[in-house]
């Protein structure tokens, strides 16, 4: 628990398959509006047209 408290994350497995992870909970810190805007600007931009075309190509001919 000391390692988790220090920031480490541990994955728990059963028969070699990951089933959960133990990690620190978020600090519950409130971010200012300016901090949220700054984080938003750092996010990867999504090309929705390219993503849609890729999905169409991938799922072409697959009946749902």
C-alpha atoms as a PDB file:
ATOM      1  CA  UNK A   1       0.000   0.000   0.000  1.00  0.00           C
ATOM      2  CA  UNK A   2       2.957   2.320   0.602  1.00  0.00           C
ATOM      3  CA  UNK A   3       3.956   1.951  -3.050  1.00  0.00           C
ATOM      4  CA  UNK A   4       0.408   2.685  -4.226  1.00  0.00           C
ATOM      5  CA  UNK A   5       0.257   5.702  -1.960  1.00  0.00           C
ATOM      6  CA  UNK A   6       3.536   6.849  -3.526  1.00  0.00           C
ATOM      7  CA  UNK A   7       1.922   6.714  -6.991  1.00  0.00           C
ATOM      8  CA  UNK A   8       2.599   3.191  -8.269  1.00  0.00           C
ATOM      9  CA  UNK A   9      -0.028   1.121 -10.048  1.00  0.00           C
ATOM     10  CA  UNK A  10      -0.218  -2.667  -9.778  1.00  0.00           C
ATOM     11  CA  UNK A  11      -2.082  -5.040 -12.080  1.00  0.00           C
ATOM     12  CA  UNK A  12      -3.642  -8.091 -10.471  1.00  0.00           C
ATOM     13  CA  UNK A  13      -3.877 -11.268 -12.513  1.00  0.00           C
ATOM     14  CA  UNK A  14      -5.705 -14.565 -12.203  1.00  0.00           C
ATOM     15  CA  UNK A  15      -4.245 -17.462 -14.165  1.00  0.00           C
ATOM     16  CA  UNK A  16      -2.117 -14.993 -16.100  1.00  0.00           C
ATOM     17  CA  UNK A  17      -5.040 -12.776 -17.127  1.00  0.00           C
ATOM     18  CA  UNK A  18      -5.281  -9.245 -15.827  1.00  0.00           C
ATOM     19  CA  UNK A  19      -8.470  -8.791 -13.825  1.00  0.00           C
ATOM     20  CA  UNK A  20      -7.992  -5.471 -12.070  1.00  0.00           C
ATOM     21  CA  UNK A  21      -5.495  -2.861 -11.066  1.00  0.00           C
ATOM     22  CA  UNK A  22      -4.696  -1.197  -7.787  1.00  0.00           C
ATOM     23  CA  UNK A  23      -3.768   2.450  -8.160  1.00  0.00           C
ATOM     24  CA  UNK A  24      -3.903   5.647  -6.191  1.00  0.00           C
ATOM     25  CA  UNK A  25      -7.240   7.397  -6.169  1.00  0.00           C
ATOM     26  CA  UNK A  26      -7.336  10.843  -7.666  1.00  0.00           C
ATOM     27  CA  UNK A  27      -6.419  13.593  -5.292  1.00  0.00           C
ATOM     28  CA  UNK A  28      -9.837  15.161  -5.686  1.00  0.00           C
ATOM     29  CA  UNK A  29      -8.144  18.403  -6.581  1.00  0.00           C
ATOM     30  CA  UNK A  30     -10.390  20.952  -8.197  1.00  0.00           C
ATOM     31  CA  UNK A  31      -8.981  22.526 -11.325  1.00  0.00           C
ATOM     32  CA  UNK A  32      -9.615  26.107 -12.273  1.00  0.00           C
ATOM     33  CA  UNK A  33     -11.396  26.937 -15.519  1.00  0.00           C
ATOM     34  CA  UNK A  34      -8.089  28.137 -16.961  1.00  0.00           C
ATOM     35  CA  UNK A  35      -6.386  24.830 -16.065  1.00  0.00           C
ATOM     36  CA  UNK A  36      -9.219  22.885 -17.713  1.00  0.00           C
ATOM     37  CA  UNK A  37      -8.944  24.987 -20.876  1.00  0.00           C
ATOM     38  CA  UNK A  38      -5.176  24.429 -20.971  1.00  0.00           C
ATOM     39  CA  UNK A  39      -5.640  20.672 -20.605  1.00  0.00           C
ATOM     40  CA  UNK A  40      -8.284  20.707 -23.347  1.00  0.00           C
ATOM     41  CA  UNK A  41      -5.872  22.412 -25.748  1.00  0.00           C
ATOM     42  CA  UNK A  42      -3.292  19.665 -25.086  1.00  0.00           C
ATOM     43  CA  UNK A  43      -5.642  16.875 -26.200  1.00  0.00           C
ATOM     44  CA  UNK A  44      -5.015  15.147 -29.502  1.00  0.00           C
ATOM     45  CA  UNK A  45      -7.164  16.593 -32.273  1.00  0.00           C
ATOM     46  CA  UNK A  46      -9.580  14.105 -33.808  1.00  0.00           C
ATOM     47  CA  UNK A  47     -10.168  14.006 -37.556  1.00  0.00           C
ATOM     48  CA  UNK A  48     -13.787  12.843 -37.552  1.00  0.00           C
ATOM     49  CA  UNK A  49     -13.986  12.540 -41.354  1.00  0.00           C
ATOM     50  CA  UNK A  50     -10.927  10.262 -41.433  1.00  0.00           C
ATOM     51  CA  UNK A  51     -12.235   8.243 -38.492  1.00  0.00           C
ATOM     52  CA  UNK A  52     -15.606   7.787 -40.226  1.00  0.00           C
ATOM     53  CA  UNK A  53     -13.954   6.754 -43.501  1.00  0.00           C
ATOM     54  CA  UNK A  54     -11.764   4.262 -41.653  1.00  0.00           C
ATOM     55  CA  UNK A  55     -14.794   2.783 -39.874  1.00  0.00           C
ATOM     56  CA  UNK A  56     -16.715   2.542 -43.157  1.00  0.00           C
ATOM     57  CA  UNK A  57     -13.782   0.732 -44.753  1.00  0.00           C
ATOM     58  CA  UNK A  58     -13.350  -1.608 -41.792  1.00  0.00           C
ATOM     59  CA  UNK A  59     -17.036  -2.482 -41.449  1.00  0.00           C
ATOM     60  CA  UNK A  60     -17.838  -2.586 -45.177  1.00  0.00           C
ATOM     61  CA  UNK A  61     -19.930  -5.662 -45.895  1.00  0.00           C
ATOM     62  CA  UNK A  62     -20.433  -6.620 -42.261  1.00  0.00           C
ATOM     63  CA  UNK A  63     -24.098  -7.086 -41.412  1.00  0.00           C
ATOM     64  CA  UNK A  64     -25.213  -6.083 -37.970  1.00  0.00           C
END
